[in-house]
């Protein structure tokens, strides 16, 4: 099986670009961030504070998270209910960053991610794919962009969904998430030593997809 690992900060376009690139190569796309969002969503729905590790660990034993690929698209199910859309709110994003620092949560999701890569050709994106989950990936990419550029993309996305958002708050949230992800004790966000750095600041989506496709094609064994 072949694997491409794409890491990078929130809002860098990893999910959208990885999804389209996976289609290009006929690989399965795995959005690991969606898994952490689903845990965060479950924590929120059960009115559990993100620092209450004992209650969260108990919750993990009571829920079932599955990735299903429907018409080539990844959908996330929590206890047999499709929550792929519900987990995309800014509030869930912030909670996802908080729960991802919990060792028990990472261990809970780690085996699921490894099993998918073991049985499929994958393009997997997240925060620690090239450093922890798939350290032997055939191709590693660290995808980034300025916080302003990432906030603008998120702003346009949320507006298109009919949501009311404040741009300056989005910038602050993204920068706060960056700090949390890069400074957590467990698997902090960082560029793997052998990862290719790709900065998409100012790029259109199509330009970024074309760039990553070429990088992967050139480096894939």
C-alpha atoms as a PDB file:
ATOM      1  CA  UNK A   1       0.000   0.000   0.000  1.00  0.00           C
ATOM      2  CA  UNK A   2       1.125   3.562  -0.730  1.00  0.00           C
ATOM      3  CA  UNK A   3       0.626   6.526   1.565  1.00  0.00           C
ATOM      4  CA  UNK A   4       0.830  10.299   1.274  1.00  0.00           C
ATOM      5  CA  UNK A   5       0.904  12.277   4.531  1.00  0.00           C
ATOM      6  CA  UNK A   6      -0.208  15.912   4.512  1.00  0.00           C
ATOM      7  CA  UNK A   7       0.234  17.946   7.695  1.00  0.00           C
ATOM      8  CA  UNK A   8      -0.230  21.608   8.430  1.00  0.00           C
ATOM      9  CA  UNK A   9      -2.078  24.226  10.472  1.00  0.00           C
ATOM     10  CA  UNK A  10      -5.832  24.790  10.557  1.00  0.00           C
ATOM     11  CA  UNK A  11      -7.324  26.406   7.476  1.00  0.00           C
ATOM     12  CA  UNK A  12      -4.400  25.665   5.159  1.00  0.00           C
ATOM     13  CA  UNK A  13      -6.754  23.875   2.782  1.00  0.00           C
ATOM     14  CA  UNK A  14      -5.490  20.393   3.605  1.00  0.00           C
ATOM     15  CA  UNK A  15      -8.881  18.693   3.471  1.00  0.00           C
ATOM     16  CA  UNK A  16     -10.106  20.211   0.218  1.00  0.00           C
ATOM     17  CA  UNK A  17      -6.783  19.862  -1.580  1.00  0.00           C
ATOM     18  CA  UNK A  18      -6.128  16.336  -0.265  1.00  0.00           C
ATOM     19  CA  UNK A  19      -9.634  15.206  -1.237  1.00  0.00           C
ATOM     20  CA  UNK A  20      -9.245  16.410  -4.816  1.00  0.00           C
ATOM     21  CA  UNK A  21      -5.711  15.081  -5.094  1.00  0.00           C
ATOM     22  CA  UNK A  22      -6.819  11.662  -3.849  1.00  0.00           C
ATOM     23  CA  UNK A  23      -9.360  11.504  -6.660  1.00  0.00           C
ATOM     24  CA  UNK A  24      -6.579  12.260  -9.132  1.00  0.00           C
ATOM     25  CA  UNK A  25      -4.558   9.244  -7.972  1.00  0.00           C
ATOM     26  CA  UNK A  26      -7.452   6.934  -7.139  1.00  0.00           C
ATOM     27  CA  UNK A  27      -6.447   6.852  -3.478  1.00  0.00           C
ATOM     28  CA  UNK A  28      -8.769   6.934  -0.466  1.00  0.00           C
ATOM     29  CA  UNK A  29      -8.793  10.319   1.244  1.00  0.00           C
ATOM     30  CA  UNK A  30      -8.675  10.262   5.057  1.00  0.00           C
ATOM     31  CA  UNK A  31      -9.435  13.486   6.934  1.00  0.00           C
ATOM     32  CA  UNK A  32      -8.144  12.701  10.423  1.00  0.00           C
ATOM     33  CA  UNK A  33      -9.196  16.125  11.675  1.00  0.00           C
ATOM     34  CA  UNK A  34     -12.794  15.018  11.168  1.00  0.00           C
ATOM     35  CA  UNK A  35     -12.210  12.221  13.670  1.00  0.00           C
ATOM     36  CA  UNK A  36     -11.051  14.655  16.356  1.00  0.00           C
ATOM     37  CA  UNK A  37     -13.933  16.971  15.503  1.00  0.00           C
ATOM     38  CA  UNK A  38     -16.316  14.065  16.014  1.00  0.00           C
ATOM     39  CA  UNK A  39     -14.905  13.363  19.465  1.00  0.00           C
ATOM     40  CA  UNK A  40     -15.211  17.077  20.267  1.00  0.00           C
ATOM     41  CA  UNK A  41     -18.791  17.082  18.978  1.00  0.00           C
ATOM     42  CA  UNK A  42     -19.644  14.093  21.186  1.00  0.00           C
ATOM     43  CA  UNK A  43     -18.007  15.780  24.181  1.00  0.00           C
ATOM     44  CA  UNK A  44     -20.028  18.939  23.553  1.00  0.00           C
ATOM     45  CA  UNK A  45     -23.308  17.068  23.027  1.00  0.00           C
ATOM     46  CA  UNK A  46     -22.791  15.323  26.356  1.00  0.00           C
ATOM     47  CA  UNK A  47     -22.042  18.627  28.140  1.00  0.00           C
ATOM     48  CA  UNK A  48     -18.558  17.513  29.158  1.00  0.00           C
ATOM     49  CA  UNK A  49     -15.782  20.057  29.694  1.00  0.00           C
ATOM     50  CA  UNK A  50     -12.753  19.483  27.465  1.00  0.00           C
ATOM     51  CA  UNK A  51     -10.458  19.364  30.502  1.00  0.00           C
ATOM     52  CA  UNK A  52     -12.442  16.593  32.193  1.00  0.00           C
ATOM     53  CA  UNK A  53     -10.247  13.716  31.051  1.00  0.00           C
ATOM     54  CA  UNK A  54     -11.968  11.116  33.218  1.00  0.00           C
ATOM     55  CA  UNK A  55     -15.409  11.790  31.740  1.00  0.00           C
ATOM     56  CA  UNK A  56     -14.008  11.979  28.210  1.00  0.00           C
ATOM     57  CA  UNK A  57     -12.243   8.635  28.622  1.00  0.00           C
ATOM     58  CA  UNK A  58     -15.505   7.090  29.821  1.00  0.00           C
ATOM     59  CA  UNK A  59     -17.321   8.643  26.848  1.00  0.00           C
ATOM     60  CA  UNK A  60     -14.832   7.077  24.423  1.00  0.00           C
ATOM     61  CA  UNK A  61     -15.830   3.634  25.680  1.00  0.00           C
ATOM     62  CA  UNK A  62     -19.479   4.410  24.947  1.00  0.00           C
ATOM     63  CA  UNK A  63     -19.309   5.864  21.421  1.00  0.00           C
ATOM     64  CA  UNK A  64     -18.564   4.419  17.997  1.00  0.00           C
ATOM     65  CA  UNK A  65     -16.865   6.506  15.309  1.00  0.00           C
ATOM     66  CA  UNK A  66     -16.670   5.200  11.748  1.00  0.00           C
ATOM     67  CA  UNK A  67     -15.382   6.501   8.451  1.00  0.00           C
ATOM     68  CA  UNK A  68     -17.451   5.465   5.468  1.00  0.00           C
ATOM     69  CA  UNK A  69     -16.638   6.230   1.866  1.00  0.00           C
ATOM     70  CA  UNK A  70     -19.848   7.008  -0.012  1.00  0.00           C
ATOM     71  CA  UNK A  71     -19.575   7.809  -3.726  1.00  0.00           C
ATOM     72  CA  UNK A  72     -15.868   8.425  -3.211  1.00  0.00           C
ATOM     73  CA  UNK A  73     -16.475  10.908  -0.402  1.00  0.00           C
ATOM     74  CA  UNK A  74     -15.517  10.430   3.230  1.00  0.00           C
ATOM     75  CA  UNK A  75     -18.421  10.662   5.666  1.00  0.00           C
ATOM     76  CA  UNK A  76     -18.076  10.457   9.440  1.00  0.00           C
ATOM     77  CA  UNK A  77     -20.573   8.560  11.565  1.00  0.00           C
ATOM     78  CA  UNK A  78     -21.048   8.882  15.319  1.00  0.00           C
ATOM     79  CA  UNK A  79     -23.092   6.011  16.742  1.00  0.00           C
ATOM     80  CA  UNK A  80     -24.397   5.247  13.231  1.00  0.00           C
ATOM     81  CA  UNK A  81     -25.491   8.869  12.605  1.00  0.00           C
ATOM     82  CA  UNK A  82     -23.814  10.906   9.838  1.00  0.00           C
ATOM     83  CA  UNK A  83     -22.350  14.010  11.551  1.00  0.00           C
ATOM     84  CA  UNK A  84     -20.087  15.121   8.694  1.00  0.00           C
ATOM     85  CA  UNK A  85     -21.757  18.537   8.440  1.00  0.00           C
ATOM     86  CA  UNK A  86     -22.389  19.142  12.156  1.00  0.00           C
ATOM     87  CA  UNK A  87     -18.692  18.840  13.054  1.00  0.00           C
ATOM     88  CA  UNK A  88     -17.616  21.770  10.856  1.00  0.00           C
ATOM     89  CA  UNK A  89     -18.640  24.686  13.091  1.00  0.00           C
ATOM     90  CA  UNK A  90     -15.962  27.055  14.524  1.00  0.00           C
ATOM     91  CA  UNK A  91     -16.978  26.003  18.052  1.00  0.00           C
ATOM     92  CA  UNK A  92     -16.325  22.337  17.319  1.00  0.00           C
ATOM     93  CA  UNK A  93     -13.013  23.289  15.680  1.00  0.00           C
ATOM     94  CA  UNK A  94     -11.773  24.930  18.873  1.00  0.00           C
ATOM     95  CA  UNK A  95     -12.905  22.017  21.029  1.00  0.00           C
ATOM     96  CA  UNK A  96     -11.239  19.596  18.607  1.00  0.00           C
ATOM     97  CA  UNK A  97      -7.898  21.293  19.220  1.00  0.00           C
ATOM     98  CA  UNK A  98      -8.446  20.943  22.975  1.00  0.00           C
ATOM     99  CA  UNK A  99      -9.452  17.262  22.981  1.00  0.00           C
ATOM    100  CA  UNK A 100      -6.641  16.380  20.575  1.00  0.00           C
ATOM    101  CA  UNK A 101      -4.148  17.120  23.349  1.00  0.00           C
ATOM    102  CA  UNK A 102      -5.611  14.300  25.456  1.00  0.00           C
ATOM    103  CA  UNK A 103      -3.527  11.114  25.278  1.00  0.00           C
ATOM    104  CA  UNK A 104      -6.546   8.806  25.574  1.00  0.00           C
ATOM    105  CA  UNK A 105      -8.255  10.496  22.615  1.00  0.00           C
ATOM    106  CA  UNK A 106      -5.189  10.178  20.400  1.00  0.00           C
ATOM    107  CA  UNK A 107      -4.771   6.512  21.331  1.00  0.00           C
ATOM    108  CA  UNK A 108      -8.451   5.881  20.639  1.00  0.00           C
ATOM    109  CA  UNK A 109      -8.153   7.240  17.080  1.00  0.00           C
ATOM    110  CA  UNK A 110      -4.601   6.123  16.293  1.00  0.00           C
ATOM    111  CA  UNK A 111      -5.439   2.487  15.557  1.00  0.00           C
ATOM    112  CA  UNK A 112      -8.332   3.487  13.298  1.00  0.00           C
ATOM    113  CA  UNK A 113      -6.057   5.685  11.204  1.00  0.00           C
ATOM    114  CA  UNK A 114      -3.331   3.038  10.975  1.00  0.00           C
ATOM    115  CA  UNK A 115      -5.788   0.318   9.952  1.00  0.00           C
ATOM    116  CA  UNK A 116      -7.154   2.400   7.086  1.00  0.00           C
ATOM    117  CA  UNK A 117      -3.634   3.066   5.764  1.00  0.00           C
ATOM    118  CA  UNK A 118      -2.665  -0.581   6.170  1.00  0.00           C
ATOM    119  CA  UNK A 119      -5.464  -1.751   3.892  1.00  0.00           C
ATOM    120  CA  UNK A 120      -5.703   1.072   1.319  1.00  0.00           C
ATOM    121  CA  UNK A 121      -3.678   3.468  -0.792  1.00  0.00           C
ATOM    122  CA  UNK A 122      -4.307   6.693   1.114  1.00  0.00           C
ATOM    123  CA  UNK A 123      -3.808  10.414   1.183  1.00  0.00           C
ATOM    124  CA  UNK A 124      -4.192  11.258   4.857  1.00  0.00           C
ATOM    125  CA  UNK A 125      -4.155  14.747   6.312  1.00  0.00           C
ATOM    126  CA  UNK A 126      -3.931  16.036   9.854  1.00  0.00           C
ATOM    127  CA  UNK A 127      -1.468  17.482  12.365  1.00  0.00           C
ATOM    128  CA  UNK A 128       0.872  14.551  13.088  1.00  0.00           C
ATOM    129  CA  UNK A 129       0.468  12.196  10.130  1.00  0.00           C
ATOM    130  CA  UNK A 130       4.035  12.380   8.826  1.00  0.00           C
ATOM    131  CA  UNK A 131       5.568  12.555  12.297  1.00  0.00           C
ATOM    132  CA  UNK A 132       3.513   9.987  14.257  1.00  0.00           C
ATOM    133  CA  UNK A 133       0.717   8.184  12.417  1.00  0.00           C
ATOM    134  CA  UNK A 134       2.506   7.382   9.138  1.00  0.00           C
ATOM    135  CA  UNK A 135       6.213   8.066   9.766  1.00  0.00           C
ATOM    136  CA  UNK A 136       7.123   5.844   6.798  1.00  0.00           C
ATOM    137  CA  UNK A 137       4.744   7.476   4.316  1.00  0.00           C
ATOM    138  CA  UNK A 138       5.971   7.448   0.716  1.00  0.00           C
ATOM    139  CA  UNK A 139       5.446  11.211   0.413  1.00  0.00           C
ATOM    140  CA  UNK A 140       5.207  13.788   3.211  1.00  0.00           C
ATOM    141  CA  UNK A 141       3.963  17.327   2.658  1.00  0.00           C
ATOM    142  CA  UNK A 142       3.687  20.204   5.125  1.00  0.00           C
ATOM    143  CA  UNK A 143       1.000  22.525   3.798  1.00  0.00           C
ATOM    144  CA  UNK A 144       0.733  26.048   5.164  1.00  0.00           C
ATOM    145  CA  UNK A 145      -0.356  29.646   4.446  1.00  0.00           C
ATOM    146  CA  UNK A 146      -0.468  32.910   6.396  1.00  0.00           C
ATOM    147  CA  UNK A 147      -3.103  33.200   9.134  1.00  0.00           C
ATOM    148  CA  UNK A 148      -4.794  36.058   7.241  1.00  0.00           C
ATOM    149  CA  UNK A 149      -4.998  33.977   4.080  1.00  0.00           C
ATOM    150  CA  UNK A 150      -6.374  30.978   5.968  1.00  0.00           C
ATOM    151  CA  UNK A 151      -8.937  33.128   7.788  1.00  0.00           C
ATOM    152  CA  UNK A 152     -10.139  34.591   4.483  1.00  0.00           C
ATOM    153  CA  UNK A 153     -10.748  31.129   3.036  1.00  0.00           C
ATOM    154  CA  UNK A 154     -12.662  30.082   6.158  1.00  0.00           C
ATOM    155  CA  UNK A 155     -14.610  33.356   6.134  1.00  0.00           C
ATOM    156  CA  UNK A 156     -15.734  32.831   2.527  1.00  0.00           C
ATOM    157  CA  UNK A 157     -16.640  29.201   3.252  1.00  0.00           C
ATOM    158  CA  UNK A 158     -18.816  30.057   6.259  1.00  0.00           C
ATOM    159  CA  UNK A 159     -20.508  32.937   4.445  1.00  0.00           C
ATOM    160  CA  UNK A 160     -21.393  30.602   1.582  1.00  0.00           C
ATOM    161  CA  UNK A 161     -23.084  28.355   4.154  1.00  0.00           C
ATOM    162  CA  UNK A 162     -25.210  31.254   5.355  1.00  0.00           C
ATOM    163  CA  UNK A 163     -23.363  31.678   8.655  1.00  0.00           C
ATOM    164  CA  UNK A 164     -22.665  35.078  10.212  1.00  0.00           C
ATOM    165  CA  UNK A 165     -18.962  35.432  11.070  1.00  0.00           C
ATOM    166  CA  UNK A 166     -16.478  38.125  12.070  1.00  0.00           C
ATOM    167  CA  UNK A 167     -13.243  38.079  10.063  1.00  0.00           C
ATOM    168  CA  UNK A 168     -11.014  39.461  12.834  1.00  0.00           C
ATOM    169  CA  UNK A 169     -12.326  36.863  15.263  1.00  0.00           C
ATOM    170  CA  UNK A 170     -11.567  34.139  12.723  1.00  0.00           C
ATOM    171  CA  UNK A 171      -7.952  35.339  12.477  1.00  0.00           C
ATOM    172  CA  UNK A 172      -7.634  35.260  16.276  1.00  0.00           C
ATOM    173  CA  UNK A 173      -9.198  31.785  16.466  1.00  0.00           C
ATOM    174  CA  UNK A 174      -6.833  30.425  13.810  1.00  0.00           C
ATOM    175  CA  UNK A 175      -3.781  31.928  15.506  1.00  0.00           C
ATOM    176  CA  UNK A 176      -4.960  30.576  18.866  1.00  0.00           C
ATOM    177  CA  UNK A 177      -5.456  27.151  17.308  1.00  0.00           C
ATOM    178  CA  UNK A 178      -1.964  27.315  15.779  1.00  0.00           C
ATOM    179  CA  UNK A 179      -0.463  28.056  19.178  1.00  0.00           C
ATOM    180  CA  UNK A 180      -2.405  25.239  20.843  1.00  0.00           C
ATOM    181  CA  UNK A 181      -1.529  22.709  18.137  1.00  0.00           C
ATOM    182  CA  UNK A 182       2.170  23.611  18.082  1.00  0.00           C
ATOM    183  CA  UNK A 183       2.603  23.724  21.863  1.00  0.00           C
ATOM    184  CA  UNK A 184       0.627  20.724  23.094  1.00  0.00           C
ATOM    185  CA  UNK A 185       2.612  18.055  24.901  1.00  0.00           C
ATOM    186  CA  UNK A 186       1.255  15.148  22.873  1.00  0.00           C
ATOM    187  CA  UNK A 187       2.203  15.006  19.164  1.00  0.00           C
ATOM    188  CA  UNK A 188       2.547  18.767  18.576  1.00  0.00           C
ATOM    189  CA  UNK A 189       2.112  20.102  15.063  1.00  0.00           C
ATOM    190  CA  UNK A 190       5.485  20.326  13.335  1.00  0.00           C
ATOM    191  CA  UNK A 191       7.022  19.709   9.959  1.00  0.00           C
ATOM    192  CA  UNK A 192       8.584  16.268   9.618  1.00  0.00           C
ATOM    193  CA  UNK A 193      12.275  16.475   8.766  1.00  0.00           C
ATOM    194  CA  UNK A 194      11.698  14.784   5.408  1.00  0.00           C
ATOM    195  CA  UNK A 195       8.463  16.618   4.525  1.00  0.00           C
ATOM    196  CA  UNK A 196       8.197  18.976   1.562  1.00  0.00           C
ATOM    197  CA  UNK A 197       7.154  22.487   2.630  1.00  0.00           C
ATOM    198  CA  UNK A 198       4.347  23.939   0.487  1.00  0.00           C
ATOM    199  CA  UNK A 199       3.087  27.495   1.134  1.00  0.00           C
ATOM    200  CA  UNK A 200      -0.201  28.167  -0.682  1.00  0.00           C
ATOM    201  CA  UNK A 201      -0.583  31.832   0.355  1.00  0.00           C
ATOM    202  CA  UNK A 202      -2.224  33.708  -2.518  1.00  0.00           C
ATOM    203  CA  UNK A 203      -2.907  30.554  -4.527  1.00  0.00           C
ATOM    204  CA  UNK A 204      -6.277  29.689  -5.960  1.00  0.00           C
ATOM    205  CA  UNK A 205      -7.639  26.279  -5.044  1.00  0.00           C
ATOM    206  CA  UNK A 206      -6.889  24.954  -8.519  1.00  0.00           C
ATOM    207  CA  UNK A 207      -3.312  26.217  -8.362  1.00  0.00           C
ATOM    208  CA  UNK A 208      -2.764  24.478  -5.017  1.00  0.00           C
ATOM    209  CA  UNK A 209      -4.285  21.214  -6.262  1.00  0.00           C
ATOM    210  CA  UNK A 210      -2.123  21.308  -9.375  1.00  0.00           C
ATOM    211  CA  UNK A 211       0.981  22.011  -7.299  1.00  0.00           C
ATOM    212  CA  UNK A 212       0.400  19.152  -4.856  1.00  0.00           C
ATOM    213  CA  UNK A 213      -0.552  16.739  -7.614  1.00  0.00           C
ATOM    214  CA  UNK A 214       2.754  17.406  -9.351  1.00  0.00           C
ATOM    215  CA  UNK A 215       4.735  17.073  -6.113  1.00  0.00           C
ATOM    216  CA  UNK A 216       3.074  13.754  -5.263  1.00  0.00           C
ATOM    217  CA  UNK A 217       3.451  12.378  -8.797  1.00  0.00           C
ATOM    218  CA  UNK A 218       7.147  13.306  -8.822  1.00  0.00           C
ATOM    219  CA  UNK A 219       7.911  11.815  -5.402  1.00  0.00           C
ATOM    220  CA  UNK A 220       5.586   8.801  -5.257  1.00  0.00           C
ATOM    221  CA  UNK A 221       7.485   5.571  -5.662  1.00  0.00           C
END
